[in-house]
Protein backbone atom coordinates (compact mmCIF):
# COMPACT_ATOMS: atom_id res chain seq x y z
CA MET A 1 71.36 87.39 101.25
CA ASN A 2 73.41 84.07 101.01
CA ALA A 3 77.24 84.52 99.77
CA PRO A 4 77.08 83.21 96.44
CA PHE A 5 74.34 85.13 95.13
CA LYS A 6 75.99 88.01 96.88
CA LYS A 7 78.90 87.63 95.11
CA LEU A 8 77.31 87.41 91.85
CA SER A 9 74.72 90.31 92.82
CA GLU A 10 77.84 92.80 93.61
CA ALA A 11 79.97 91.47 90.65
CA ALA A 12 77.23 91.69 87.74
CA SER A 13 76.27 95.52 89.22
CA THR A 14 80.06 96.32 89.28
CA VAL A 15 80.44 95.44 85.22
CA ALA A 16 77.49 96.95 84.74
CA ALA A 17 78.31 100.46 86.71
CA TYR A 18 81.98 100.20 84.79
CA SER A 19 80.49 99.35 81.58
CA THR A 20 78.15 102.54 81.76
CA ALA A 21 81.14 105.21 83.08
CA VAL A 22 82.97 103.95 80.08
CA GLN A 23 80.01 104.13 77.25
CA LEU A 24 78.82 107.86 78.75
CA GLY A 25 82.69 108.73 79.05
CA LEU A 26 82.43 109.50 82.30
CA LEU A 27 86.01 107.43 82.92
CA ASP A 28 87.90 109.29 80.16
CA ARG A 29 86.41 112.67 81.16
CA ILE A 30 88.46 111.97 84.74
CA ASP A 31 91.33 110.37 83.62
CA ARG A 32 91.78 113.73 81.85
CA GLU A 33 90.93 115.63 85.38
CA PRO A 34 89.18 114.88 88.50
CA ALA A 35 85.44 116.07 88.32
CA ALA A 36 82.55 116.16 90.66
CA PRO A 37 79.28 113.95 89.83
CA ALA A 38 77.79 117.50 88.76
CA GLU A 39 80.40 118.64 86.58
CA LEU A 40 80.82 115.25 84.87
CA ALA A 41 76.30 114.82 84.78
CA ARG A 42 77.01 118.46 82.13
CA SER A 43 79.77 117.33 80.36
CA CYS A 44 78.51 114.06 79.73
CA GLY A 45 75.32 114.53 79.01
CA ALA A 46 73.42 112.70 81.81
CA HIS A 47 71.75 113.07 84.68
CA GLU A 48 73.59 113.82 87.98
CA ARG A 49 71.70 111.36 90.22
CA GLY A 50 73.32 108.86 87.88
CA VAL A 51 76.23 109.77 87.55
CA ARG A 52 76.20 109.77 91.24
CA VAL A 53 75.32 105.70 91.27
CA VAL A 54 77.41 104.72 89.05
CA LEU A 55 80.62 106.25 90.72
CA ALA A 56 79.71 105.32 93.84
CA ALA A 57 79.53 102.19 92.60
CA LEU A 58 82.71 101.42 91.15
CA GLU A 59 84.01 103.02 94.54
CA PRO A 60 84.43 100.28 96.59
CA GLY A 61 85.52 98.10 93.86
CA GLY A 62 88.67 100.59 93.99
CA PHE A 63 87.94 101.47 90.53
CA VAL A 64 87.82 105.36 91.43
CA GLU A 65 88.39 107.79 94.19
CA ARG A 66 86.26 110.62 95.78
CA MET A 67 89.11 113.36 96.81
CA ALA A 68 88.17 115.67 100.16
CA ASP A 69 86.59 118.07 97.59
CA GLY A 70 83.92 115.53 96.31
CA ARG A 71 85.79 115.04 92.62
CA TYR A 72 85.95 111.55 91.20
CA ARG A 73 89.04 110.40 90.15
CA PRO A 74 90.09 107.11 88.71
CA THR A 75 92.75 104.43 90.49
CA VAL A 76 94.49 103.59 87.84
CA PRO A 77 95.48 105.88 84.53
CA GLY A 78 93.69 104.01 80.81
CA LEU A 79 90.89 102.28 82.77
CA ALA A 80 88.45 102.54 80.48
CA SER A 81 90.95 100.83 78.02
CA LEU A 82 89.91 97.58 79.89
CA HIS A 83 86.43 97.69 78.16
CA PRO A 84 87.17 96.18 74.58
CA ILE A 85 88.26 93.03 76.87
CA LEU A 86 85.02 92.31 78.47
CA PRO A 87 82.99 90.81 75.27
CA LEU A 88 85.96 88.17 75.82
CA TRP A 89 83.73 86.75 78.84
CA ASP A 90 80.69 85.86 76.73
CA HIS A 91 82.95 83.29 74.77
CA LEU A 92 84.03 81.27 77.89
CA PRO A 93 81.44 78.83 77.01
CA GLU A 94 82.43 77.62 73.68
CA SER A 95 86.22 78.16 75.25
CA THR A 96 85.31 75.66 77.57
CA ARG A 97 83.77 73.06 75.00
CA THR A 98 86.11 73.61 72.24
CA GLY A 99 89.29 74.22 74.36
CA ARG A 100 90.39 77.17 71.86
CA PRO A 101 91.12 80.42 73.08
CA VAL A 102 89.26 83.58 71.28
CA PHE A 103 92.64 84.99 70.71
CA ALA A 104 96.09 83.90 71.06
CA GLY A 105 97.82 86.32 73.25
CA ASP A 106 101.04 83.91 73.09
CA ASP A 107 101.55 84.39 69.49
CA PRO A 108 103.44 87.15 68.72
CA ALA A 109 101.26 88.72 65.41
CA THR A 110 98.31 88.74 67.66
CA ALA A 111 100.15 90.20 71.03
CA ALA A 112 101.30 93.39 68.05
CA GLU A 113 97.88 93.76 67.68
CA VAL A 114 95.97 93.50 71.17
CA TYR A 115 98.40 94.79 73.68
CA PRO A 116 99.44 98.18 72.48
CA ALA A 117 96.11 99.29 73.01
CA HIS A 118 96.04 97.63 77.08
CA VAL A 119 99.55 98.27 78.31
CA ALA A 120 99.13 101.18 79.77
CA PHE A 121 96.36 100.26 81.97
CA LEU A 122 97.97 96.42 82.68
CA ALA A 123 101.19 98.62 83.99
CA GLY A 124 98.79 100.34 86.37
CA LEU A 125 97.36 97.63 87.77
CA TRP A 126 100.51 96.82 89.75
CA GLN A 127 100.24 100.10 91.32
CA ASP A 128 103.39 100.15 94.35
CA GLN A 129 104.51 96.80 93.58
CA PRO A 130 107.45 98.43 90.88
CA ALA A 131 108.85 100.73 93.52
CA GLU A 132 108.65 97.54 95.73
CA VAL A 133 110.74 95.36 92.90
CA ALA A 134 113.51 98.71 93.17
CA GLN A 135 114.16 98.64 96.52
CA ARG A 136 114.45 95.08 96.69
CA LEU A 137 116.54 94.80 93.88
CA ARG A 138 120.36 96.01 93.39
CA PRO A 139 120.73 99.34 91.60
CA PRO A 140 121.76 98.09 88.20
CA LYS A 141 124.03 100.27 85.92
CA ARG A 142 122.90 98.13 82.66
CA LEU A 143 119.28 96.94 82.65
CA LEU A 144 116.77 94.60 79.99
CA ASP A 145 113.82 94.91 80.45
CA VAL A 146 112.41 91.96 79.03
CA GLY A 147 108.38 92.11 77.27
CA ALA A 148 108.57 95.54 78.43
CA GLY A 149 105.16 96.94 77.84
CA ALA A 150 104.71 100.38 79.23
CA ALA A 151 107.96 99.51 81.26
CA PRO A 152 106.46 100.20 85.02
CA TRP A 153 109.43 98.08 86.14
CA SER A 154 112.20 99.65 84.45
CA ILE A 155 110.81 102.87 84.70
CA ALA A 156 110.75 102.45 89.10
CA LEU A 157 114.57 101.00 88.58
CA ALA A 158 115.78 104.00 86.68
CA THR A 159 114.18 106.10 89.08
CA ALA A 160 115.57 104.80 91.70
CA SER A 161 118.69 104.24 90.16
CA PRO A 162 120.03 107.65 88.50
CA SER A 163 122.82 105.85 87.04
CA CYS A 164 120.73 103.05 85.12
CA ARG A 165 120.65 102.35 81.44
CA VAL A 166 117.30 100.52 80.15
CA THR A 167 117.26 98.28 77.46
CA ALA A 168 113.49 97.69 76.65
CA LEU A 169 112.50 94.85 74.51
CA ASP A 170 109.25 94.21 72.88
CA LEU A 171 107.65 93.61 69.87
CA PRO A 172 107.53 96.88 67.51
CA PRO A 173 103.91 98.15 67.64
CA VAL A 174 103.87 97.74 71.53
CA LEU A 175 107.25 99.93 72.22
CA ARG A 176 105.21 102.98 70.97
CA ALA A 177 103.55 102.82 74.14
CA THR A 178 106.68 101.75 75.52
CA ARG A 179 108.38 105.54 74.46
CA HIS A 180 105.09 106.88 75.41
CA ALA A 181 105.05 106.00 78.74
CA VAL A 182 108.81 106.45 79.33
CA SER A 183 108.39 110.46 78.04
CA ARG A 184 105.79 110.71 80.67
CA ALA A 185 108.40 109.55 83.08
CA GLY A 186 110.96 111.83 81.99
CA LEU A 187 113.08 108.97 81.42
CA ASP A 188 113.66 109.62 77.31
CA ASP A 189 117.48 109.94 77.91
CA ARG A 190 118.06 106.93 79.74
CA PHE A 191 116.00 104.33 77.45
CA ASP A 192 117.44 102.34 74.75
CA TYR A 193 114.64 100.08 72.75
CA LEU A 194 115.32 96.55 70.97
CA PRO A 195 112.20 95.67 68.88
CA GLY A 196 111.34 92.16 68.16
CA ASP A 197 109.83 88.69 69.77
CA MET A 198 111.71 88.17 72.52
CA PHE A 199 111.77 84.23 72.09
CA ASN A 200 113.92 85.41 68.89
CA ALA A 201 116.29 88.49 70.06
CA VAL A 202 119.71 89.07 69.26
CA ILE A 203 121.38 90.18 72.50
CA ALA A 204 125.10 90.66 73.14
CA PRO A 205 126.26 88.46 75.45
CA GLU A 206 127.37 89.49 78.80
CA SER A 207 125.72 93.08 78.09
CA TYR A 208 123.60 93.58 81.24
CA ASP A 209 123.96 92.94 85.12
CA LEU A 210 119.98 92.65 85.11
CA ILE A 211 117.83 91.14 82.99
CA LEU A 212 113.87 91.64 84.01
CA ILE A 213 111.01 89.46 83.20
CA GLY A 214 107.69 91.05 84.72
CA GLN A 215 104.40 89.75 84.30
CA VAL A 216 105.26 87.94 81.18
CA CYS A 217 106.18 84.17 81.91
CA HIS A 218 102.22 83.39 82.66
CA LEU A 219 101.71 83.90 79.12
CA PHE A 220 103.48 80.55 78.21
CA ASP A 221 103.97 77.33 79.06
CA GLU A 222 106.33 75.92 81.11
CA PRO A 223 109.14 74.76 78.51
CA SER A 224 108.51 78.07 76.50
CA CYS A 225 109.54 80.02 80.19
CA ALA A 226 112.40 77.79 80.73
CA GLU A 227 113.94 78.46 76.73
CA LEU A 228 113.22 81.63 77.44
CA ILE A 229 115.08 81.99 80.87
CA ARG A 230 118.10 80.01 79.64
CA ASP A 231 118.26 81.65 76.17
CA LEU A 232 118.26 85.24 77.82
CA VAL A 233 121.15 84.38 80.40
CA PRO A 234 123.93 84.50 77.99
CA ALA A 235 123.24 88.11 78.06
CA LEU A 236 123.89 88.54 81.63
CA GLU A 237 127.18 89.44 82.78
CA PRO A 238 128.90 87.20 85.96
CA GLY A 239 127.70 88.15 89.15
CA GLY A 240 124.63 89.84 87.58
CA THR A 241 120.56 89.22 88.59
CA PHE A 242 117.83 87.66 86.71
CA ALA A 243 114.71 88.54 87.94
CA VAL A 244 111.35 87.13 87.34
CA VAL A 245 108.00 89.02 89.12
CA ASP A 246 104.35 87.09 87.81
CA ALA A 247 101.33 86.00 89.77
CA MET A 248 101.83 82.41 91.34
CA ALA A 249 99.48 79.66 91.73
CA GLY A 250 98.04 79.41 95.17
CA GLY A 251 97.53 83.25 94.95
CA PRO A 252 94.06 85.05 96.20
CA THR A 253 93.30 85.63 92.62
CA ALA A 254 95.39 82.40 90.45
CA ALA A 255 92.14 80.82 89.70
CA ALA A 256 90.80 84.36 88.10
CA CYS A 257 93.50 84.73 86.16
CA ASP A 258 93.91 81.41 84.89
CA LEU A 259 90.28 81.43 83.84
CA SER A 260 91.28 84.71 81.86
CA LEU A 261 94.30 83.04 80.67
CA TYR A 262 92.47 80.63 79.23
CA LEU A 263 90.31 82.72 76.62
CA ARG A 264 93.19 84.45 75.94
CA THR A 265 96.42 82.15 75.56
CA ARG A 266 97.04 79.04 73.58
CA ARG A 267 98.74 77.56 76.91
CA GLY A 268 99.39 80.21 79.63
CA ALA A 269 99.50 80.03 83.13
CA VAL A 270 99.69 81.09 86.70
CA HIS A 271 103.01 78.95 87.33
CA PRO A 272 103.84 77.87 91.00
CA PRO A 273 107.17 79.10 92.70
CA LYS A 274 108.79 76.03 92.25
CA ALA A 275 108.37 76.16 88.86
CA TYR A 276 110.43 79.41 88.34
CA ARG A 277 113.17 78.01 90.62
CA GLY A 278 113.57 75.04 88.34
CA TRP A 279 113.79 77.19 85.32
CA LEU A 280 116.46 79.64 87.06
CA GLU A 281 118.45 76.65 88.45
CA GLY A 282 118.31 75.13 85.12
CA ALA A 283 119.96 78.05 83.51
CA GLY A 284 122.89 77.77 85.34
CA LEU A 285 121.75 80.42 87.82
CA VAL A 286 122.45 80.32 91.82
CA ASP A 287 121.54 81.46 94.58
CA VAL A 288 117.93 81.79 94.13
CA ASP A 289 115.51 83.44 96.26
CA ALA A 290 112.06 84.45 96.18
CA ALA A 291 110.03 87.30 97.73
CA GLU A 292 106.15 87.74 98.28
CA ILE A 293 105.53 91.62 96.44
CA GLY A 294 102.28 93.52 97.26
CA GLY A 295 101.25 92.03 100.07
CA ASP A 296 98.23 90.56 99.17
CA GLY A 297 99.79 87.01 98.32
CA ASP A 298 99.35 87.05 94.63
CA THR A 299 103.04 88.21 93.40
CA VAL A 300 106.44 86.68 93.57
CA LEU A 301 109.68 88.13 92.71
CA ILE A 302 112.73 85.63 92.07
CA THR A 303 115.91 86.36 91.65
CA GLY A 304 118.90 83.85 90.59
CA THR A 305 122.28 84.83 90.09
CA ARG A 306 124.92 84.16 87.44
CA ARG A 307 127.77 82.46 88.48
């Protein structure tokens, strides 16, 4: 089988297996508790062999994993929540013709509608990266998590730094999901919440020794990112760290990410590391440095220090 056809065939079968697992309730069931195919077939009203082949088709792609006792579990929580996004791709021909996205996820009103249902799944995408970022950064006392979502980065930092106090900044509907994630992590007493648009938030000067923006900047164009970072830097105390975690241009999945951003933002893009460096240095930060995280060449942590 030639390589292009093989890739298309594998992608099509994976999407079909995923959609079937969602529609039959298989993923929701194992999200609550791992289960074997026979048990899943009984509880979901499906044929046991069908359940087996569907889960087996999802296993190589890392959607589910089979435990030693034969039961299956999802690799990330909330995996089924991605399913409503699949029809988005049906609009790619029209968006390619017109240059208009299906929805503008970089618009606050749209983001408030779309993201609350998906931030838990998005947090799971990063797997061990938040813990790695927490290891690389100096333990903070006061952390501002910008565009917190389900707060995977600040939860990891707060877990690693018992004296850390976190302020999670996001749109009010998204913060409801943030609070749920924080509560599940047992960190309710360590988090405060700042509702609002990150571009217009009022933040007291020199309030934080770490400001972190995790997997957010790719939603916006370069001028908007430069403006956001420039406006946030005054909230950082002298000697404090400004940290950005994001997908980077040139990585193995950058092209697919750009395609997705084309459908769901007006001007979002996967930016090159030199752009991030320019934004931080342009905001007056020094000792700007970059480090790959995750080991897959997709994600970079870029930091700078306020004088």
